Amino acid sequence: MSGVAHFIAGVLDHESMARMVEELCASADLQPGDRVKTLRGSMSGTILRLLPDGRVVWRADSGAELMALPEALLREKKQ
């Protein structure tokens, strides 16, 4: 929403705003086995399973098993 607001205010170009919205839409299509990272990029790991209520269970590279909303994770780009 911040990206859209910045676009409306005229401080963000259309292409950047569209890229932000597309990334958020793609994050809702996560599947077990996908590599993900937190929005800030401070942690990354692999999705283990999706819960019926929409939350994502994932294992961080540190070994910790975590739960998050899909909106809080970004799929890592394949290299």
PDB file of N, CA and C in Angstrom:
ATOM      1  N   MET A   1       0.822  -1.179   0.000  1.00  0.00           N
ATOM      2  CA  MET A   1       0.000   0.000   0.000  1.00  0.00           C
ATOM      3  C   MET A   1       0.873   1.251   0.000  1.00  0.00           C
ATOM      4  N   SER A   2       2.013   1.154   0.642  1.00  0.00           N
ATOM      5  CA  SER A   2       2.909   2.299   0.686  1.00  0.00           C
ATOM      6  C   SER A   2       3.376   2.684  -0.719  1.00  0.00           C
ATOM      7  N   GLY A   3       3.672   1.665  -1.543  1.00  0.00           N
ATOM      8  CA  GLY A   3       4.104   1.949  -2.906  1.00  0.00           C
ATOM      9  C   GLY A   3       3.033   2.654  -3.715  1.00  0.00           C
ATOM     10  N   VAL A   4       1.788   2.232  -3.553  1.00  0.00           N
ATOM     11  CA  VAL A   4       0.672   2.873  -4.260  1.00  0.00           C
ATOM     12  C   VAL A   4       0.515   4.313  -3.774  1.00  0.00           C
ATOM     13  N   ALA A   5       0.606   4.510  -2.464  1.00  0.00           N
ATOM     14  CA  ALA A   5       0.481   5.862  -1.909  1.00  0.00           C
ATOM     15  C   ALA A   5       1.600   6.771  -2.423  1.00  0.00           C
ATOM     16  N   HIS A   6       2.819   6.255  -2.507  1.00  0.00           N
ATOM     17  CA  HIS A   6       3.925   7.050  -3.030  1.00  0.00           C
ATOM     18  C   HIS A   6       3.719   7.378  -4.506  1.00  0.00           C
ATOM     19  N   PHE A   7       3.138   6.422  -5.258  1.00  0.00           N
ATOM     20  CA  PHE A   7       2.844   6.689  -6.666  1.00  0.00           C
ATOM     21  C   PHE A   7       1.811   7.807  -6.793  1.00  0.00           C
ATOM     22  N   ILE A   8       0.753   7.731  -5.989  1.00  0.00           N
ATOM     23  CA  ILE A   8      -0.292   8.752  -6.025  1.00  0.00           C
ATOM     24  C   ILE A   8       0.277  10.118  -5.642  1.00  0.00           C
ATOM     25  N   ALA A   9       1.189  10.126  -4.665  1.00  0.00           N
ATOM     26  CA  ALA A   9       1.801  11.387  -4.232  1.00  0.00           C
ATOM     27  C   ALA A   9       2.798  11.930  -5.264  1.00  0.00           C
ATOM     28  N   GLY A  10       3.160  11.098  -6.238  1.00  0.00           N
ATOM     29  CA  GLY A  10       4.053  11.554  -7.291  1.00  0.00           C
ATOM     30  C   GLY A  10       5.532  11.378  -7.007  1.00  0.00           C
ATOM     31  N   VAL A  11       5.875  10.613  -5.975  1.00  0.00           N
ATOM     32  CA  VAL A  11       7.294  10.428  -5.649  1.00  0.00           C
ATOM     33  C   VAL A  11       7.825   9.062  -6.091  1.00  0.00           C
ATOM     34  N   LEU A  12       6.961   8.255  -6.718  1.00  0.00           N
ATOM     35  CA  LEU A  12       7.373   6.932  -7.196  1.00  0.00           C
ATOM     36  C   LEU A  12       6.842   6.764  -8.618  1.00  0.00           C
ATOM     37  N   ASP A  13       7.699   6.263  -9.496  1.00  0.00           N
ATOM     38  CA  ASP A  13       7.271   6.086 -10.888  1.00  0.00           C
ATOM     39  C   ASP A  13       6.359   4.862 -11.020  1.00  0.00           C
ATOM     40  N   HIS A  14       5.605   4.826 -12.093  1.00  0.00           N
ATOM     41  CA  HIS A  14       4.612   3.771 -12.323  1.00  0.00           C
ATOM     42  C   HIS A  14       5.250   2.389 -12.373  1.00  0.00           C
ATOM     43  N   GLU A  15       6.390   2.270 -13.050  1.00  0.00           N
ATOM     44  CA  GLU A  15       7.052   0.973 -13.191  1.00  0.00           C
ATOM     45  C   GLU A  15       7.446   0.388 -11.836  1.00  0.00           C
ATOM     46  N   SER A  16       8.011   1.194 -10.955  1.00  0.00           N
ATOM     47  CA  SER A  16       8.403   0.723  -9.627  1.00  0.00           C
ATOM     48  C   SER A  16       7.195   0.305  -8.806  1.00  0.00           C
ATOM     49  N   MET A  17       6.116   1.096  -8.870  1.00  0.00           N
ATOM     50  CA  MET A  17       4.904   0.772  -8.141  1.00  0.00           C
ATOM     51  C   MET A  17       4.308  -0.537  -8.655  1.00  0.00           C
ATOM     52  N   ALA A  18       4.276  -0.727  -9.966  1.00  0.00           N
ATOM     53  CA  ALA A  18       3.727  -1.951 -10.547  1.00  0.00           C
ATOM     54  C   ALA A  18       4.555  -3.165 -10.146  1.00  0.00           C
ATOM     55  N   ARG A  19       5.878  -3.024 -10.113  1.00  0.00           N
ATOM     56  CA  ARG A  19       6.756  -4.124  -9.709  1.00  0.00           C
ATOM     57  C   ARG A  19       6.481  -4.524  -8.258  1.00  0.00           C
ATOM     58  N   MET A  20       6.278  -3.540  -7.375  1.00  0.00           N
ATOM     59  CA  MET A  20       5.968  -3.836  -5.969  1.00  0.00           C
ATOM     60  C   MET A  20       4.662  -4.617  -5.841  1.00  0.00           C
ATOM     61  N   VAL A  21       3.644  -4.186  -6.559  1.00  0.00           N
ATOM     62  CA  VAL A  21       2.341  -4.857  -6.496  1.00  0.00           C
ATOM     63  C   VAL A  21       2.449  -6.278  -7.049  1.00  0.00           C
ATOM     64  N   GLU A  22       3.185  -6.462  -8.143  1.00  0.00           N
ATOM     65  CA  GLU A  22       3.358  -7.792  -8.731  1.00  0.00           C
ATOM     66  C   GLU A  22       4.081  -8.727  -7.771  1.00  0.00           C
ATOM     67  N   GLU A  23       5.101  -8.240  -7.068  1.00  0.00           N
ATOM     68  CA  GLU A  23       5.822  -9.073  -6.104  1.00  0.00           C
ATOM     69  C   GLU A  23       4.916  -9.507  -4.961  1.00  0.00           C
ATOM     70  N   LEU A  24       4.065  -8.614  -4.504  1.00  0.00           N
ATOM     71  CA  LEU A  24       3.135  -8.969  -3.428  1.00  0.00           C
ATOM     72  C   LEU A  24       2.116 -10.000  -3.895  1.00  0.00           C
ATOM     73  N   CYS A  25       1.654  -9.877  -5.126  1.00  0.00           N
ATOM     74  CA  CYS A  25       0.700 -10.845  -5.668  1.00  0.00           C
ATOM     75  C   CYS A  25       1.360 -12.210  -5.814  1.00  0.00           C
ATOM     76  N   ALA A  26       2.590 -12.250  -6.236  1.00  0.00           N
ATOM     77  CA  ALA A  26       3.298 -13.517  -6.402  1.00  0.00           C
ATOM     78  C   ALA A  26       3.536 -14.197  -5.070  1.00  0.00           C
ATOM     79  N   SER A  27       3.695 -13.433  -3.994  1.00  0.00           N
ATOM     80  CA  SER A  27       3.962 -14.047  -2.694  1.00  0.00           C
ATOM     81  C   SER A  27       2.782 -14.858  -2.185  1.00  0.00           C
ATOM     82  N   ALA A  28       1.574 -14.594  -2.685  1.00  0.00           N
ATOM     83  CA  ALA A  28       0.394 -15.325  -2.246  1.00  0.00           C
ATOM     84  C   ALA A  28       0.325 -16.705  -2.882  1.00  0.00           C
ATOM     85  N   ASP A  29       1.186 -17.014  -3.837  1.00  0.00           N
ATOM     86  CA  ASP A  29       1.170 -18.292  -4.543  1.00  0.00           C
ATOM     87  C   ASP A  29       2.342 -19.168  -4.103  1.00  0.00           C
ATOM     88  N   LEU A  30       2.629 -19.190  -2.833  1.00  0.00           N
ATOM     89  CA  LEU A  30       3.751 -19.970  -2.316  1.00  0.00           C
ATOM     90  C   LEU A  30       3.362 -21.440  -2.191  1.00  0.00           C
ATOM     91  N   GLN A  31       4.343 -22.324  -2.368  1.00  0.00           N
ATOM     92  CA  GLN A  31       4.130 -23.765  -2.288  1.00  0.00           C
ATOM     93  C   GLN A  31       5.228 -24.408  -1.456  1.00  0.00           C
ATOM     94  N   PRO A  32       4.947 -25.567  -0.824  1.00  0.00           N
ATOM     95  CA  PRO A  32       6.008 -26.278  -0.100  1.00  0.00           C
ATOM     96  C   PRO A  32       7.213 -26.523  -1.005  1.00  0.00           C
ATOM     97  N   GLY A  33       8.390 -26.303  -0.450  1.00  0.00           N
ATOM     98  CA  GLY A  33       9.631 -26.459  -1.198  1.00  0.00           C
ATOM     99  C   GLY A  33      10.172 -25.161  -1.764  1.00  0.00           C
ATOM    100  N   ASP A  34       9.328 -24.117  -1.840  1.00  0.00           N
ATOM    101  CA  ASP A  34       9.785 -22.822  -2.341  1.00  0.00           C
ATOM    102  C   ASP A  34      10.781 -22.199  -1.368  1.00  0.00           C
ATOM    103  N   ARG A  35      11.801 -21.554  -1.925  1.00  0.00           N
ATOM    104  CA  ARG A  35      12.740 -20.774  -1.123  1.00  0.00           C
ATOM    105  C   ARG A  35      12.127 -19.398  -0.914  1.00  0.00           C
ATOM    106  N   VAL A  36      12.152 -18.922   0.337  1.00  0.00           N
ATOM    107  CA  VAL A  36      11.580 -17.623   0.665  1.00  0.00           C
ATOM    108  C   VAL A  36      12.532 -16.834   1.547  1.00  0.00           C
ATOM    109  N   LYS A  37      12.242 -15.525   1.639  1.00  0.00           N
ATOM    110  CA  LYS A  37      12.966 -14.667   2.571  1.00  0.00           C
ATOM    111  C   LYS A  37      11.953 -13.707   3.176  1.00  0.00           C
ATOM    112  N   THR A  38      12.303 -13.140   4.322  1.00  0.00           N
ATOM    113  CA  THR A  38      11.434 -12.163   4.953  1.00  0.00           C
ATOM    114  C   THR A  38      11.455 -10.875   4.142  1.00  0.00           C
ATOM    115  N   LEU A  39      10.477 -10.014   4.363  1.00  0.00           N
ATOM    116  CA  LEU A  39      10.398  -8.772   3.597  1.00  0.00           C
ATOM    117  C   LEU A  39      11.655  -7.938   3.744  1.00  0.00           C
ATOM    118  N   ARG A  40      12.235  -7.922   4.919  1.00  0.00           N
ATOM    119  CA  ARG A  40      13.478  -7.161   5.132  1.00  0.00           C
ATOM    120  C   ARG A  40      14.706  -7.897   4.615  1.00  0.00           C
ATOM    121  N   GLY A  41      14.550  -9.182   4.319  1.00  0.00           N
ATOM    122  CA  GLY A  41      15.669  -9.966   3.816  1.00  0.00           C
ATOM    123  C   GLY A  41      16.616 -10.447   4.886  1.00  0.00           C
ATOM    124  N   SER A  42      16.197 -10.345   6.150  1.00  0.00           N
ATOM    125  CA  SER A  42      17.092 -10.727   7.244  1.00  0.00           C
ATOM    126  C   SER A  42      17.140 -12.234   7.474  1.00  0.00           C
ATOM    127  N   MET A  43      16.138 -12.969   7.009  1.00  0.00           N
ATOM    128  CA  MET A  43      16.113 -14.428   7.158  1.00  0.00           C
ATOM    129  C   MET A  43      15.625 -15.040   5.857  1.00  0.00           C
ATOM    130  N   SER A  44      16.115 -16.240   5.585  1.00  0.00           N
ATOM    131  CA  SER A  44      15.631 -16.983   4.427  1.00  0.00           C
ATOM    132  C   SER A  44      15.518 -18.449   4.807  1.00  0.00           C
ATOM    133  N   GLY A  45      14.772 -19.187   4.009  1.00  0.00           N
ATOM    134  CA  GLY A  45      14.570 -20.596   4.285  1.00  0.00           C
ATOM    135  C   GLY A  45      13.671 -21.250   3.264  1.00  0.00           C
ATOM    136  N   THR A  46      13.069 -22.387   3.644  1.00  0.00           N
ATOM    137  CA  THR A  46      12.264 -23.191   2.735  1.00  0.00           C
ATOM    138  C   THR A  46      10.894 -23.450   3.343  1.00  0.00           C
ATOM    139  N   ILE A  47       9.851 -23.336   2.534  1.00  0.00           N
ATOM    140  CA  ILE A  47       8.490 -23.597   3.007  1.00  0.00           C
ATOM    141  C   ILE A  47       8.319 -25.091   3.225  1.00  0.00           C
ATOM    142  N   LEU A  48       7.781 -25.446   4.392  1.00  0.00           N
ATOM    143  CA  LEU A  48       7.518 -26.841   4.718  1.00  0.00           C
ATOM    144  C   LEU A  48       6.086 -27.234   4.379  1.00  0.00           C
ATOM    145  N   ARG A  49       5.122 -26.392   4.807  1.00  0.00           N
ATOM    146  CA  ARG A  49       3.713 -26.709   4.549  1.00  0.00           C
ATOM    147  C   ARG A  49       2.861 -25.451   4.674  1.00  0.00           C
ATOM    148  N   LEU A  50       1.675 -25.521   4.101  1.00  0.00           N
ATOM    149  CA  LEU A  50       0.691 -24.449   4.201  1.00  0.00           C
ATOM    150  C   LEU A  50      -0.415 -24.921   5.127  1.00  0.00           C
ATOM    151  N   LEU A  51      -0.806 -24.087   6.086  1.00  0.00           N
ATOM    152  CA  LEU A  51      -1.851 -24.447   7.030  1.00  0.00           C
ATOM    153  C   LEU A  51      -3.221 -24.063   6.473  1.00  0.00           C
ATOM    154  N   PRO A  52      -4.288 -24.740   6.919  1.00  0.00           N
ATOM    155  CA  PRO A  52      -5.637 -24.443   6.414  1.00  0.00           C
ATOM    156  C   PRO A  52      -6.066 -22.987   6.599  1.00  0.00           C
ATOM    157  N   ASP A  53      -5.546 -22.318   7.630  1.00  0.00           N
ATOM    158  CA  ASP A  53      -5.927 -20.923   7.881  1.00  0.00           C
ATOM    159  C   ASP A  53      -5.119 -19.930   7.039  1.00  0.00           C
ATOM    160  N   GLY A  54      -4.247 -20.439   6.153  1.00  0.00           N
ATOM    161  CA  GLY A  54      -3.493 -19.574   5.251  1.00  0.00           C
ATOM    162  C   GLY A  54      -2.069 -19.282   5.687  1.00  0.00           C
ATOM    163  N   ARG A  55      -1.737 -19.603   6.932  1.00  0.00           N
ATOM    164  CA  ARG A  55      -0.363 -19.348   7.374  1.00  0.00           C
ATOM    165  C   ARG A  55       0.601 -20.330   6.719  1.00  0.00           C
ATOM    166  N   VAL A  56       1.864 -19.942   6.715  1.00  0.00           N
ATOM    167  CA  VAL A  56       2.934 -20.723   6.096  1.00  0.00           C
ATOM    168  C   VAL A  56       3.888 -21.195   7.189  1.00  0.00           C
ATOM    169  N   VAL A  57       4.199 -22.491   7.195  1.00  0.00           N
ATOM    170  CA  VAL A  57       5.229 -23.024   8.094  1.00  0.00           C
ATOM    171  C   VAL A  57       6.487 -23.183   7.256  1.00  0.00           C
ATOM    172  N   TRP A  58       7.570 -22.566   7.726  1.00  0.00           N
ATOM    173  CA  TRP A  58       8.815 -22.629   6.971  1.00  0.00           C
ATOM    174  C   TRP A  58       9.998 -22.831   7.898  1.00  0.00           C
ATOM    175  N   ARG A  59      11.063 -23.411   7.352  1.00  0.00           N
ATOM    176  CA  ARG A  59      12.288 -23.643   8.126  1.00  0.00           C
ATOM    177  C   ARG A  59      13.341 -22.662   7.663  1.00  0.00           C
ATOM    178  N   ALA A  60      13.780 -21.838   8.606  1.00  0.00           N
ATOM    179  CA  ALA A  60      14.841 -20.877   8.310  1.00  0.00           C
ATOM    180  C   ALA A  60      16.151 -21.621   8.096  1.00  0.00           C
ATOM    181  N   ASP A  61      17.073 -20.997   7.384  1.00  0.00           N
ATOM    182  CA  ASP A  61      18.380 -21.611   7.146  1.00  0.00           C
ATOM    183  C   ASP A  61      19.109 -21.913   8.451  1.00  0.00           C
ATOM    184  N   SER A  62      18.743 -21.217   9.522  1.00  0.00           N
ATOM    185  CA  SER A  62      19.345 -21.458  10.841  1.00  0.00           C
ATOM    186  C   SER A  62      18.830 -22.751  11.460  1.00  0.00           C
ATOM    187  N   GLY A  63      17.742 -23.322  10.895  1.00  0.00           N
ATOM    188  CA  GLY A  63      17.166 -24.555  11.416  1.00  0.00           C
ATOM    189  C   GLY A  63      15.884 -24.346  12.204  1.00  0.00           C
ATOM    190  N   ALA A  64      15.571 -23.104  12.543  1.00  0.00           N
ATOM    191  CA  ALA A  64      14.352 -22.810  13.302  1.00  0.00           C
ATOM    192  C   ALA A  64      13.124 -22.988  12.405  1.00  0.00           C
ATOM    193  N   GLU A  65      12.068 -23.596  12.968  1.00  0.00           N
ATOM    194  CA  GLU A  65      10.807 -23.736  12.253  1.00  0.00           C
ATOM    195  C   GLU A  65       9.910 -22.566  12.655  1.00  0.00           C
ATOM    196  N   LEU A  66       9.440 -21.828  11.673  1.00  0.00           N
ATOM    197  CA  LEU A  66       8.691 -20.597  11.911  1.00  0.00           C
ATOM    198  C   LEU A  66       7.346 -20.630  11.197  1.00  0.00           C
ATOM    199  N   MET A  67       6.420 -19.759  11.653  1.00  0.00           N
ATOM    200  CA  MET A  67       5.131 -19.574  11.000  1.00  0.00           C
ATOM    201  C   MET A  67       5.005 -18.121  10.587  1.00  0.00           C
ATOM    202  N   ALA A  68       4.387 -17.875   9.448  1.00  0.00           N
ATOM    203  CA  ALA A  68       4.214 -16.505   8.973  1.00  0.00           C
ATOM    204  C   ALA A  68       2.998 -16.438   8.060  1.00  0.00           C
ATOM    205  N   LEU A  69       2.493 -15.238   7.887  1.00  0.00           N
ATOM    206  CA  LEU A  69       1.480 -15.005   6.865  1.00  0.00           C
ATOM    207  C   LEU A  69       2.188 -14.959   5.522  1.00  0.00           C
ATOM    208  N   PRO A  70       1.546 -15.398   4.447  1.00  0.00           N
ATOM    209  CA  PRO A  70       2.223 -15.373   3.148  1.00  0.00           C
ATOM    210  C   PRO A  70       2.639 -13.970   2.722  1.00  0.00           C
ATOM    211  N   GLU A  71       1.936 -12.955   3.201  1.00  0.00           N
ATOM    212  CA  GLU A  71       2.277 -11.573   2.842  1.00  0.00           C
ATOM    213  C   GLU A  71       3.593 -11.123   3.466  1.00  0.00           C
ATOM    214  N   ALA A  72       4.073 -11.866   4.465  1.00  0.00           N
ATOM    215  CA  ALA A  72       5.305 -11.494   5.158  1.00  0.00           C
ATOM    216  C   ALA A  72       6.544 -12.135   4.531  1.00  0.00           C
ATOM    217  N   LEU A  73       6.341 -12.941   3.475  1.00  0.00           N
ATOM    218  CA  LEU A  73       7.451 -13.642   2.845  1.00  0.00           C
ATOM    219  C   LEU A  73       7.497 -13.341   1.355  1.00  0.00           C
ATOM    220  N   LEU A  74       8.700 -13.321   0.828  1.00  0.00           N
ATOM    221  CA  LEU A  74       8.910 -13.150  -0.611  1.00  0.00           C
ATOM    222  C   LEU A  74       9.614 -14.383  -1.155  1.00  0.00           C
ATOM    223  N   ARG A  75       9.154 -14.859  -2.303  1.00  0.00           N
ATOM    224  CA  ARG A  75       9.820 -15.987  -2.937  1.00  0.00           C
ATOM    225  C   ARG A  75      11.181 -15.496  -3.425  1.00  0.00           C
ATOM    226  N   GLU A  76      12.220 -16.300  -3.158  1.00  0.00           N
ATOM    227  CA  GLU A  76      13.548 -15.945  -3.639  1.00  0.00           C
ATOM    228  C   GLU A  76      13.638 -16.268  -5.124  1.00  0.00           C
ATOM    229  N   LYS A  77      14.291 -15.418  -5.849  1.00  0.00           N
ATOM    230  CA  LYS A  77      14.463 -15.620  -7.284  1.00  0.00           C
ATOM    231  C   LYS A  77      15.406 -16.787  -7.516  1.00  0.00           C
ATOM    232  N   LYS A  78      15.077 -17.640  -8.492  1.00  0.00           N
ATOM    233  CA  LYS A  78      15.956 -18.767  -8.839  1.00  0.00           C
ATOM    234  C   LYS A  78      17.167 -18.223  -9.576  1.00  0.00           C
ATOM    235  N   GLN A  79      18.328 -18.756  -9.229  1.00  0.00           N
ATOM    236  CA  GLN A  79      19.562 -18.269  -9.847  1.00  0.00           C
ATOM    237  C   GLN A  79      20.074 -19.225 -10.871  1.00  0.00           C
TER     238      GLN A  79
END
